[in-house]
Amino acid sequence: MRAVVQRVASASVTVDGKVISDIARGLMVLVGIGTDDTPADVDILSNKILCLRVFSDASGTMWKTSVKDIAGEVLCVSQFTLMANTTKGNKPDFHRAMSTESSRQLYDVFLDKMKQLYVADRIKDGQFGAMMNVSLTNEGPVTFTLDTRKFEYVLPPNGGGATEKGGKKRAEPGDAASKPAGSTPTTLDSGAVGP
């Protein structure tokens, strides 16, 4: 599963000229469901969204509080286009997106899980499968991409790096072996989430 999470002052969804859902301060979440996603992906993504510290604390220090900590709202919108493959040609390929009915069912599981983990009436939704106009005011702007299946390029606390099968150390972005001499070390974060 993939999600684009935006910290917002407000957001709303309009269908056929009528506002069907809106929130005040909180998170706007676009959700894409892939062909091989399962309830395990739902658990990972819902927990990460609700616990991600993207808000300031009372003293104004950034990255200290989650949407739950500020009693914010969450507006979720299903968006199959997040699963597009754009590597070949200019026409997006959506074969990685789950079929409509299966996706609808897993998306409902996702919404139910979000409501179970938080306050049900603070989790809002668009209209699955409809042509929606989504409006929002992004605070910051602050936007994150989350993916339950991508490897996150960070070194473990012991600094040992990831290993391949057989125990051989794999070169990682950020490793000295993967950088030109004299370059400044950096850590790359793909936005992936894991258990």
N, C-alpha and C. Protein backbone atom coordinates (compact mmCIF):
# COMPACT_ATOMS: atom_id res chain seq x y z
N MET A 1 0.84 -1.19 0.00
CA MET A 1 0.00 0.00 0.00
C MET A 1 0.88 1.23 0.00
N ARG A 2 0.38 2.24 -0.66
CA ARG A 2 1.08 3.51 -0.70
C ARG A 2 0.17 4.62 -0.21
N ALA A 3 0.77 5.64 0.38
CA ALA A 3 0.00 6.79 0.83
C ALA A 3 0.80 8.06 0.65
N VAL A 4 0.12 9.11 0.26
CA VAL A 4 0.67 10.46 0.28
C VAL A 4 -0.03 11.17 1.43
N VAL A 5 0.75 11.57 2.42
CA VAL A 5 0.21 12.16 3.65
C VAL A 5 0.60 13.63 3.69
N GLN A 6 -0.39 14.50 3.78
CA GLN A 6 -0.14 15.94 3.81
C GLN A 6 -0.69 16.55 5.10
N ARG A 7 0.13 17.37 5.73
CA ARG A 7 -0.33 18.10 6.92
C ARG A 7 -1.14 19.30 6.43
N VAL A 8 -2.39 19.38 6.88
CA VAL A 8 -3.27 20.41 6.33
C VAL A 8 -3.92 21.25 7.43
N ALA A 9 -4.25 22.50 7.04
CA ALA A 9 -5.07 23.37 7.89
C ALA A 9 -6.54 23.03 7.69
N SER A 10 -6.85 22.55 6.47
CA SER A 10 -8.21 22.12 6.15
C SER A 10 -8.16 21.35 4.84
N ALA A 11 -9.19 20.53 4.61
CA ALA A 11 -9.29 19.77 3.36
C ALA A 11 -10.74 19.37 3.15
N SER A 12 -11.10 19.17 1.89
CA SER A 12 -12.49 18.76 1.59
C SER A 12 -12.53 17.99 0.28
N VAL A 13 -13.61 17.22 0.13
CA VAL A 13 -13.85 16.45 -1.08
C VAL A 13 -15.22 16.84 -1.62
N THR A 14 -15.25 17.17 -2.92
CA THR A 14 -16.49 17.55 -3.58
C THR A 14 -16.80 16.55 -4.69
N VAL A 15 -18.05 16.10 -4.76
CA VAL A 15 -18.51 15.21 -5.82
C VAL A 15 -19.78 15.81 -6.42
N ASP A 16 -19.78 15.98 -7.74
CA ASP A 16 -20.93 16.57 -8.45
C ASP A 16 -21.33 17.92 -7.86
N GLY A 17 -20.34 18.73 -7.51
CA GLY A 17 -20.60 20.07 -7.01
C GLY A 17 -21.02 20.15 -5.56
N LYS A 18 -21.04 19.02 -4.85
CA LYS A 18 -21.47 19.00 -3.45
C LYS A 18 -20.33 18.53 -2.56
N VAL A 19 -20.04 19.26 -1.48
CA VAL A 19 -19.01 18.85 -0.52
C VAL A 19 -19.54 17.65 0.26
N ILE A 20 -18.86 16.52 0.12
CA ILE A 20 -19.32 15.31 0.80
C ILE A 20 -18.54 15.00 2.07
N SER A 21 -17.36 15.64 2.21
CA SER A 21 -16.54 15.39 3.39
C SER A 21 -15.55 16.53 3.55
N ASP A 22 -15.32 16.93 4.81
CA ASP A 22 -14.34 17.98 5.05
C ASP A 22 -13.76 17.85 6.45
N ILE A 23 -12.55 18.37 6.61
CA ILE A 23 -11.89 18.35 7.91
C ILE A 23 -11.25 19.70 8.18
N ALA A 24 -11.00 19.95 9.46
CA ALA A 24 -10.20 21.10 9.88
C ALA A 24 -8.74 20.61 9.96
N ARG A 25 -7.97 21.09 10.89
CA ARG A 25 -6.54 20.75 10.96
C ARG A 25 -6.33 19.25 11.15
N GLY A 26 -5.39 18.74 10.40
CA GLY A 26 -5.09 17.32 10.49
C GLY A 26 -4.30 16.82 9.31
N LEU A 27 -4.68 15.65 8.79
CA LEU A 27 -3.96 15.02 7.69
C LEU A 27 -4.89 14.71 6.52
N MET A 28 -4.42 15.01 5.33
CA MET A 28 -5.06 14.59 4.09
C MET A 28 -4.27 13.40 3.59
N VAL A 29 -4.93 12.24 3.38
CA VAL A 29 -4.23 11.01 3.03
C VAL A 29 -4.80 10.43 1.73
N LEU A 30 -3.96 10.34 0.71
CA LEU A 30 -4.32 9.65 -0.53
C LEU A 30 -3.77 8.23 -0.42
N VAL A 31 -4.61 7.23 -0.71
CA VAL A 31 -4.24 5.83 -0.47
C VAL A 31 -4.32 5.03 -1.76
N GLY A 32 -3.22 4.34 -2.11
CA GLY A 32 -3.19 3.45 -3.26
C GLY A 32 -3.01 2.02 -2.80
N ILE A 33 -3.77 1.10 -3.41
CA ILE A 33 -3.73 -0.31 -3.00
C ILE A 33 -3.24 -1.16 -4.17
N GLY A 34 -2.19 -1.97 -3.91
CA GLY A 34 -1.58 -2.79 -4.95
C GLY A 34 -2.16 -4.19 -5.00
N THR A 35 -1.84 -4.89 -6.08
CA THR A 35 -2.40 -6.22 -6.32
C THR A 35 -2.07 -7.22 -5.22
N ASP A 36 -0.94 -7.06 -4.56
CA ASP A 36 -0.54 -8.03 -3.54
C ASP A 36 -0.69 -7.51 -2.11
N ASP A 37 -1.40 -6.42 -1.93
CA ASP A 37 -1.58 -5.88 -0.57
C ASP A 37 -2.55 -6.74 0.23
N THR A 38 -2.33 -6.79 1.54
CA THR A 38 -3.10 -7.64 2.45
C THR A 38 -3.45 -6.84 3.71
N PRO A 39 -4.24 -7.43 4.60
CA PRO A 39 -4.51 -6.75 5.88
C PRO A 39 -3.26 -6.41 6.67
N ALA A 40 -2.17 -7.14 6.45
CA ALA A 40 -0.91 -6.80 7.14
C ALA A 40 -0.41 -5.43 6.70
N ASP A 41 -0.58 -5.10 5.41
CA ASP A 41 -0.20 -3.78 4.91
C ASP A 41 -1.10 -2.71 5.51
N VAL A 42 -2.38 -3.04 5.68
CA VAL A 42 -3.33 -2.12 6.32
C VAL A 42 -2.86 -1.78 7.72
N ASP A 43 -2.46 -2.80 8.49
CA ASP A 43 -2.01 -2.58 9.86
C ASP A 43 -0.79 -1.66 9.91
N ILE A 44 0.18 -1.93 9.04
CA ILE A 44 1.41 -1.13 9.02
C ILE A 44 1.11 0.32 8.67
N LEU A 45 0.34 0.51 7.59
CA LEU A 45 0.10 1.87 7.09
C LEU A 45 -0.75 2.69 8.05
N SER A 46 -1.82 2.10 8.58
CA SER A 46 -2.70 2.85 9.47
C SER A 46 -1.97 3.28 10.74
N ASN A 47 -1.17 2.39 11.29
CA ASN A 47 -0.39 2.75 12.48
C ASN A 47 0.60 3.87 12.19
N LYS A 48 1.27 3.77 11.05
CA LYS A 48 2.26 4.79 10.71
C LYS A 48 1.61 6.15 10.50
N ILE A 49 0.49 6.19 9.79
CA ILE A 49 -0.20 7.46 9.54
C ILE A 49 -0.59 8.14 10.85
N LEU A 50 -1.17 7.37 11.74
CA LEU A 50 -1.70 7.95 12.98
C LEU A 50 -0.60 8.30 13.99
N CYS A 51 0.56 7.68 13.89
CA CYS A 51 1.64 7.93 14.86
C CYS A 51 2.76 8.81 14.32
N LEU A 52 2.72 9.12 13.02
CA LEU A 52 3.76 9.93 12.41
C LEU A 52 3.77 11.33 13.04
N ARG A 53 4.93 11.74 13.55
CA ARG A 53 5.03 13.02 14.25
C ARG A 53 5.34 14.13 13.24
N VAL A 54 4.29 14.78 12.78
CA VAL A 54 4.44 15.81 11.74
C VAL A 54 3.99 17.20 12.23
N PHE A 55 3.57 17.28 13.48
CA PHE A 55 3.09 18.55 14.03
C PHE A 55 4.04 19.06 15.10
N SER A 56 3.94 20.35 15.39
CA SER A 56 4.74 20.97 16.44
C SER A 56 4.14 20.70 17.81
N ASP A 57 4.97 20.75 18.84
CA ASP A 57 4.44 20.64 20.20
C ASP A 57 4.03 22.03 20.69
N ALA A 58 3.63 22.12 21.96
CA ALA A 58 3.13 23.38 22.51
C ALA A 58 4.18 24.49 22.48
N SER A 59 5.46 24.12 22.50
CA SER A 59 6.53 25.13 22.48
C SER A 59 6.92 25.53 21.06
N GLY A 60 6.29 24.89 20.06
CA GLY A 60 6.59 25.23 18.68
C GLY A 60 7.69 24.39 18.06
N THR A 61 8.18 23.38 18.78
CA THR A 61 9.22 22.51 18.24
C THR A 61 8.61 21.53 17.26
N MET A 62 9.16 21.52 16.04
CA MET A 62 8.62 20.67 14.98
C MET A 62 8.89 19.18 15.22
N TRP A 63 8.08 18.35 14.56
CA TRP A 63 8.22 16.89 14.52
C TRP A 63 8.09 16.25 15.90
N LYS A 64 7.21 16.81 16.73
CA LYS A 64 7.06 16.30 18.09
C LYS A 64 5.73 15.60 18.34
N THR A 65 4.69 15.93 17.58
CA THR A 65 3.37 15.37 17.89
C THR A 65 2.69 14.79 16.64
N SER A 66 1.83 13.81 16.88
CA SER A 66 1.09 13.15 15.81
C SER A 66 -0.30 13.76 15.69
N VAL A 67 -1.04 13.31 14.69
CA VAL A 67 -2.42 13.79 14.52
C VAL A 67 -3.26 13.41 15.72
N LYS A 68 -2.97 12.27 16.33
CA LYS A 68 -3.71 11.86 17.54
C LYS A 68 -3.40 12.79 18.70
N ASP A 69 -2.13 13.19 18.82
CA ASP A 69 -1.72 14.07 19.92
C ASP A 69 -2.42 15.42 19.88
N ILE A 70 -2.70 15.92 18.67
CA ILE A 70 -3.34 17.23 18.55
C ILE A 70 -4.85 17.13 18.40
N ALA A 71 -5.38 15.90 18.49
CA ALA A 71 -6.82 15.65 18.30
C ALA A 71 -7.28 16.15 16.94
N GLY A 72 -6.42 15.94 15.93
CA GLY A 72 -6.73 16.37 14.58
C GLY A 72 -7.63 15.39 13.86
N GLU A 73 -8.01 15.76 12.64
CA GLU A 73 -8.86 14.91 11.82
C GLU A 73 -8.05 14.34 10.66
N VAL A 74 -8.58 13.28 10.05
CA VAL A 74 -7.91 12.64 8.92
C VAL A 74 -8.94 12.45 7.81
N LEU A 75 -8.61 12.96 6.62
CA LEU A 75 -9.46 12.77 5.44
C LEU A 75 -8.75 11.82 4.49
N CYS A 76 -9.33 10.65 4.27
CA CYS A 76 -8.74 9.62 3.41
C CYS A 76 -9.46 9.57 2.07
N VAL A 77 -8.68 9.43 1.01
CA VAL A 77 -9.24 9.31 -0.34
C VAL A 77 -8.50 8.18 -1.06
N SER A 78 -9.26 7.22 -1.56
CA SER A 78 -8.66 6.13 -2.33
C SER A 78 -8.20 6.67 -3.68
N GLN A 79 -6.95 6.32 -4.07
CA GLN A 79 -6.40 6.83 -5.32
C GLN A 79 -5.53 5.76 -5.97
N PHE A 80 -6.12 5.01 -6.91
CA PHE A 80 -5.40 3.92 -7.56
C PHE A 80 -4.21 4.41 -8.37
N THR A 81 -4.21 5.68 -8.79
CA THR A 81 -3.11 6.18 -9.62
C THR A 81 -1.77 6.19 -8.88
N LEU A 82 -1.78 6.08 -7.55
CA LEU A 82 -0.53 6.00 -6.80
C LEU A 82 0.24 4.73 -7.13
N MET A 83 -0.44 3.73 -7.69
CA MET A 83 0.21 2.46 -8.02
C MET A 83 0.72 2.44 -9.46
N ALA A 84 0.66 3.56 -10.16
CA ALA A 84 1.06 3.60 -11.57
C ALA A 84 2.53 3.28 -11.76
N ASN A 85 2.82 2.59 -12.85
CA ASN A 85 4.19 2.38 -13.30
C ASN A 85 4.42 3.35 -14.46
N THR A 86 5.37 4.24 -14.32
CA THR A 86 5.63 5.24 -15.36
C THR A 86 7.03 5.10 -15.95
N THR A 87 7.62 3.91 -15.81
CA THR A 87 8.99 3.72 -16.27
C THR A 87 9.11 3.56 -17.78
N LYS A 88 8.05 3.08 -18.44
CA LYS A 88 8.11 2.86 -19.88
C LYS A 88 7.13 3.78 -20.60
N GLY A 89 7.64 4.56 -21.52
CA GLY A 89 6.79 5.44 -22.30
C GLY A 89 6.18 6.54 -21.45
N ASN A 90 5.14 7.18 -21.99
CA ASN A 90 4.51 8.30 -21.32
C ASN A 90 3.10 8.01 -20.81
N LYS A 91 2.59 6.83 -21.12
CA LYS A 91 1.25 6.46 -20.65
C LYS A 91 1.38 5.65 -19.37
N PRO A 92 0.76 6.09 -18.28
CA PRO A 92 0.85 5.34 -17.02
C PRO A 92 0.25 3.94 -17.16
N ASP A 93 0.90 2.98 -16.52
CA ASP A 93 0.44 1.59 -16.51
C ASP A 93 -0.09 1.29 -15.11
N PHE A 94 -1.37 0.86 -15.03
CA PHE A 94 -2.00 0.66 -13.72
C PHE A 94 -2.17 -0.82 -13.37
N HIS A 95 -1.39 -1.71 -13.99
CA HIS A 95 -1.54 -3.14 -13.72
C HIS A 95 -1.17 -3.51 -12.28
N ARG A 96 -0.42 -2.66 -11.60
CA ARG A 96 -0.05 -2.94 -10.21
C ARG A 96 -1.16 -2.58 -9.22
N ALA A 97 -2.17 -1.86 -9.69
CA ALA A 97 -3.28 -1.48 -8.81
C ALA A 97 -4.24 -2.66 -8.66
N MET A 98 -4.75 -2.86 -7.46
CA MET A 98 -5.69 -3.93 -7.20
C MET A 98 -7.00 -3.67 -7.96
N SER A 99 -7.69 -4.73 -8.35
CA SER A 99 -8.97 -4.59 -9.06
C SER A 99 -9.97 -3.82 -8.21
N THR A 100 -10.95 -3.25 -8.87
CA THR A 100 -11.88 -2.32 -8.21
C THR A 100 -12.57 -2.92 -6.99
N GLU A 101 -13.21 -4.07 -7.14
CA GLU A 101 -13.99 -4.62 -6.03
C GLU A 101 -13.10 -5.07 -4.88
N SER A 102 -11.99 -5.74 -5.19
CA SER A 102 -11.06 -6.16 -4.14
C SER A 102 -10.46 -4.96 -3.43
N SER A 103 -10.14 -3.92 -4.21
CA SER A 103 -9.59 -2.70 -3.64
C SER A 103 -10.61 -2.02 -2.73
N ARG A 104 -11.86 -1.99 -3.14
CA ARG A 104 -12.91 -1.39 -2.32
C ARG A 104 -13.00 -2.10 -0.96
N GLN A 105 -12.91 -3.42 -0.98
CA GLN A 105 -13.01 -4.19 0.26
C GLN A 105 -11.83 -3.92 1.18
N LEU A 106 -10.61 -3.90 0.62
CA LEU A 106 -9.43 -3.66 1.45
C LEU A 106 -9.39 -2.21 1.93
N TYR A 107 -9.87 -1.30 1.11
CA TYR A 107 -9.94 0.11 1.53
C TYR A 107 -10.90 0.27 2.71
N ASP A 108 -12.01 -0.46 2.68
CA ASP A 108 -12.95 -0.44 3.80
C ASP A 108 -12.30 -0.99 5.07
N VAL A 109 -11.48 -2.03 4.91
CA VAL A 109 -10.74 -2.59 6.05
C VAL A 109 -9.79 -1.52 6.60
N PHE A 110 -9.13 -0.79 5.70
CA PHE A 110 -8.22 0.28 6.10
C PHE A 110 -8.96 1.36 6.89
N LEU A 111 -10.11 1.81 6.39
CA LEU A 111 -10.88 2.83 7.10
C LEU A 111 -11.33 2.33 8.48
N ASP A 112 -11.78 1.09 8.54
CA ASP A 112 -12.21 0.51 9.82
C ASP A 112 -11.05 0.47 10.81
N LYS A 113 -9.86 0.09 10.31
CA LYS A 113 -8.68 0.02 11.18
C LYS A 113 -8.31 1.41 11.70
N MET A 114 -8.35 2.41 10.83
CA MET A 114 -8.06 3.79 11.25
C MET A 114 -9.03 4.22 12.35
N LYS A 115 -10.30 3.88 12.19
CA LYS A 115 -11.31 4.26 13.19
C LYS A 115 -11.10 3.51 14.50
N GLN A 116 -10.67 2.25 14.42
CA GLN A 116 -10.41 1.47 15.63
C GLN A 116 -9.22 2.04 16.40
N LEU A 117 -8.21 2.50 15.68
CA LEU A 117 -6.98 2.98 16.32
C LEU A 117 -7.09 4.42 16.83
N TYR A 118 -8.13 5.12 16.40
CA TYR A 118 -8.25 6.53 16.76
C TYR A 118 -9.69 6.79 17.20
N VAL A 119 -10.22 7.97 16.91
CA VAL A 119 -11.60 8.32 17.23
C VAL A 119 -12.37 8.23 15.91
N ALA A 120 -13.38 7.38 15.87
CA ALA A 120 -14.07 7.06 14.60
C ALA A 120 -14.57 8.29 13.86
N ASP A 121 -15.15 9.25 14.58
CA ASP A 121 -15.73 10.40 13.87
C ASP A 121 -14.69 11.43 13.42
N ARG A 122 -13.41 11.17 13.71
CA ARG A 122 -12.34 12.04 13.20
C ARG A 122 -11.68 11.46 11.95
N ILE A 123 -12.14 10.30 11.51
CA ILE A 123 -11.67 9.69 10.27
C ILE A 123 -12.74 9.91 9.21
N LYS A 124 -12.42 10.71 8.21
CA LYS A 124 -13.39 11.03 7.15
C LYS A 124 -12.94 10.35 5.86
N ASP A 125 -13.84 10.33 4.87
CA ASP A 125 -13.60 9.59 3.65
C ASP A 125 -14.17 10.33 2.45
N GLY A 126 -13.60 10.06 1.28
CA GLY A 126 -14.18 10.57 0.04
C GLY A 126 -15.28 9.62 -0.43
N GLN A 127 -15.39 9.44 -1.73
CA GLN A 127 -16.37 8.50 -2.29
C GLN A 127 -15.63 7.58 -3.24
N PHE A 128 -15.51 6.33 -2.85
CA PHE A 128 -14.71 5.37 -3.60
C PHE A 128 -15.18 5.29 -5.05
N GLY A 129 -14.25 5.40 -5.98
CA GLY A 129 -14.55 5.24 -7.39
C GLY A 129 -15.16 6.44 -8.09
N ALA A 130 -15.49 7.48 -7.34
CA ALA A 130 -16.13 8.66 -7.93
C ALA A 130 -15.08 9.62 -8.48
N MET A 131 -15.50 10.50 -9.37
CA MET A 131 -14.65 11.61 -9.82
C MET A 131 -14.77 12.69 -8.74
N MET A 132 -13.68 12.91 -8.02
CA MET A 132 -13.70 13.81 -6.88
C MET A 132 -12.83 15.03 -7.13
N ASN A 133 -13.24 16.16 -6.60
CA ASN A 133 -12.40 17.34 -6.52
C ASN A 133 -11.93 17.46 -5.08
N VAL A 134 -10.62 17.39 -4.90
CA VAL A 134 -10.04 17.43 -3.56
C VAL A 134 -9.37 18.78 -3.37
N SER A 135 -9.79 19.49 -2.33
CA SER A 135 -9.21 20.80 -2.01
C SER A 135 -8.52 20.72 -0.66
N LEU A 136 -7.39 21.40 -0.54
CA LEU A 136 -6.70 21.39 0.75
C LEU A 136 -5.80 22.60 0.88
N THR A 137 -5.50 22.93 2.11
CA THR A 137 -4.49 23.93 2.42
C THR A 137 -3.38 23.21 3.16
N ASN A 138 -2.26 23.00 2.47
CA ASN A 138 -1.14 22.26 3.03
C ASN A 138 -0.34 23.20 3.93
N GLU A 139 -0.15 22.81 5.18
CA GLU A 139 0.63 23.61 6.13
C GLU A 139 2.11 23.30 5.96
N GLY A 140 2.89 24.27 5.59
CA GLY A 140 4.34 24.08 5.48
C GLY A 140 4.93 24.56 4.17
N PRO A 141 4.75 23.82 3.09
CA PRO A 141 4.05 22.54 2.97
C PRO A 141 4.81 21.38 3.61
N VAL A 142 4.05 20.44 4.15
CA VAL A 142 4.61 19.22 4.72
C VAL A 142 3.89 18.04 4.06
N THR A 143 4.66 17.23 3.34
CA THR A 143 4.10 16.08 2.62
C THR A 143 5.05 14.89 2.74
N PHE A 144 4.49 13.71 3.00
CA PHE A 144 5.28 12.48 3.11
C PHE A 144 4.69 11.41 2.20
N THR A 145 5.57 10.58 1.64
CA THR A 145 5.12 9.40 0.91
C THR A 145 5.46 8.17 1.75
N LEU A 146 4.50 7.30 1.91
CA LEU A 146 4.69 6.07 2.67
C LEU A 146 4.41 4.88 1.76
N ASP A 147 5.18 3.82 1.92
CA ASP A 147 4.99 2.62 1.13
C ASP A 147 5.32 1.42 2.01
N THR A 148 4.37 0.51 2.16
CA THR A 148 4.58 -0.62 3.07
C THR A 148 5.53 -1.66 2.51
N ARG A 149 5.93 -1.54 1.24
CA ARG A 149 6.75 -2.58 0.62
C ARG A 149 8.15 -2.14 0.23
N LYS A 150 8.49 -0.86 0.29
CA LYS A 150 9.81 -0.42 -0.15
C LYS A 150 10.83 -0.51 0.98
N PHE A 151 12.05 -0.85 0.59
CA PHE A 151 13.14 -0.91 1.55
C PHE A 151 13.53 0.50 1.98
N GLU A 152 13.73 0.69 3.26
CA GLU A 152 14.12 2.00 3.78
C GLU A 152 15.62 2.05 3.95
N TYR A 153 16.27 2.98 3.25
CA TYR A 153 17.73 3.05 3.26
C TYR A 153 18.24 3.82 4.47
N VAL A 154 18.27 3.15 5.59
CA VAL A 154 18.87 3.72 6.79
C VAL A 154 19.77 2.68 7.41
N LEU A 155 20.85 3.13 8.01
CA LEU A 155 21.75 2.20 8.68
C LEU A 155 21.18 1.82 10.03
N PRO A 156 21.30 0.55 10.43
CA PRO A 156 20.85 0.15 11.76
C PRO A 156 21.69 0.82 12.83
N PRO A 157 21.21 0.83 14.09
CA PRO A 157 21.93 1.53 15.17
C PRO A 157 23.39 1.10 15.32
N ASN A 158 23.72 -0.18 15.02
CA ASN A 158 25.10 -0.62 15.18
C ASN A 158 25.99 -0.20 14.01
N GLY A 159 25.37 0.44 12.97
CA GLY A 159 26.15 0.93 11.84
C GLY A 159 26.63 -0.16 10.91
N GLY A 160 26.11 -1.39 11.09
CA GLY A 160 26.60 -2.51 10.31
C GLY A 160 26.09 -2.56 8.88
N GLY A 161 25.04 -1.85 8.57
CA GLY A 161 24.50 -1.90 7.21
C GLY A 161 23.69 -3.15 6.98
N ALA A 162 22.93 -3.15 5.90
CA ALA A 162 22.12 -4.31 5.56
C ALA A 162 23.00 -5.38 4.95
N THR A 163 22.55 -6.62 5.07
CA THR A 163 23.32 -7.72 4.51
C THR A 163 22.48 -8.49 3.50
N GLU A 164 23.16 -9.11 2.55
CA GLU A 164 22.51 -9.97 1.59
C GLU A 164 22.49 -11.38 2.14
N LYS A 165 21.83 -12.31 1.43
CA LYS A 165 21.84 -13.71 1.83
C LYS A 165 23.28 -14.19 1.93
N GLY A 166 23.57 -14.98 2.92
CA GLY A 166 24.93 -15.47 3.11
C GLY A 166 25.75 -14.58 4.02
N GLY A 167 25.14 -13.47 4.49
CA GLY A 167 25.82 -12.62 5.44
C GLY A 167 26.76 -11.60 4.84
N LYS A 168 26.87 -11.55 3.51
CA LYS A 168 27.74 -10.58 2.85
C LYS A 168 27.11 -9.20 2.93
N LYS A 169 27.89 -8.20 3.32
CA LYS A 169 27.37 -6.84 3.45
C LYS A 169 27.03 -6.26 2.09
N ARG A 170 25.86 -5.67 1.99
CA ARG A 170 25.42 -5.04 0.74
C ARG A 170 25.77 -3.56 0.78
N ALA A 171 26.29 -3.03 -0.32
CA ALA A 171 26.57 -1.59 -0.40
C ALA A 171 25.27 -0.84 -0.37
N GLU A 172 25.18 0.16 0.47
CA GLU A 172 23.96 0.95 0.64
C GLU A 172 24.23 2.40 0.30
N PRO A 173 23.20 3.13 -0.15
CA PRO A 173 23.37 4.58 -0.23
C PRO A 173 23.73 5.07 1.17
N GLY A 174 24.75 5.87 1.28
CA GLY A 174 25.21 6.33 2.59
C GLY A 174 26.48 5.62 3.03
N ASP A 175 26.74 4.40 2.48
CA ASP A 175 27.98 3.70 2.80
C ASP A 175 29.15 4.38 2.11
N ALA A 176 30.31 4.33 2.73
CA ALA A 176 31.49 4.92 2.12
C ALA A 176 31.78 4.27 0.77
N ALA A 177 31.54 2.96 0.66
CA ALA A 177 31.85 2.24 -0.58
C ALA A 177 30.97 2.68 -1.74
N SER A 178 29.82 3.26 -1.44
CA SER A 178 28.90 3.64 -2.50
C SER A 178 29.02 5.10 -2.89
N LYS A 179 29.99 5.83 -2.28
CA LYS A 179 30.13 7.26 -2.53
C LYS A 179 31.50 7.57 -3.10
N PRO A 180 31.55 8.60 -3.95
CA PRO A 180 32.86 9.04 -4.43
C PRO A 180 33.70 9.56 -3.29
N ALA A 181 35.01 9.45 -3.42
CA ALA A 181 35.92 9.93 -2.38
C ALA A 181 35.70 11.41 -2.14
N GLY A 182 35.68 11.80 -0.87
CA GLY A 182 35.53 13.20 -0.50
C GLY A 182 34.10 13.70 -0.45
N SER A 183 33.14 12.83 -0.75
CA SER A 183 31.74 13.29 -0.72
C SER A 183 31.22 13.26 0.70
N THR A 184 30.18 14.04 0.96
CA THR A 184 29.59 14.13 2.28
C THR A 184 28.59 13.00 2.48
N PRO A 185 28.68 12.22 3.58
CA PRO A 185 27.73 11.14 3.79
C PRO A 185 26.32 11.67 3.99
N THR A 186 25.37 10.95 3.46
CA THR A 186 23.96 11.30 3.65
C THR A 186 23.17 10.03 3.88
N THR A 187 21.96 10.17 4.40
CA THR A 187 21.06 9.05 4.54
C THR A 187 19.86 9.28 3.65
N LEU A 188 19.51 8.30 2.84
CA LEU A 188 18.35 8.41 1.96
C LEU A 188 17.18 7.70 2.60
N ASP A 189 16.04 8.33 2.61
CA ASP A 189 14.83 7.72 3.15
C ASP A 189 13.79 7.69 2.05
N SER A 190 13.43 6.49 1.60
CA SER A 190 12.49 6.37 0.50
C SER A 190 11.06 6.65 0.93
N GLY A 191 10.83 6.80 2.23
CA GLY A 191 9.47 6.99 2.71
C GLY A 191 8.81 5.67 3.04
N ALA A 192 9.57 4.58 2.98
CA ALA A 192 8.98 3.29 3.25
C ALA A 192 8.68 3.15 4.73
N VAL A 193 7.74 2.30 5.03
CA VAL A 193 7.43 2.01 6.41
C VAL A 193 7.52 0.52 6.61
N GLY A 194 7.91 0.13 7.78
CA GLY A 194 8.03 -1.29 8.05
C GLY A 194 7.61 -1.59 9.48
N PRO A 195 7.47 -2.86 9.75
CA PRO A 195 7.03 -3.23 11.12
C PRO A 195 8.07 -2.87 12.15
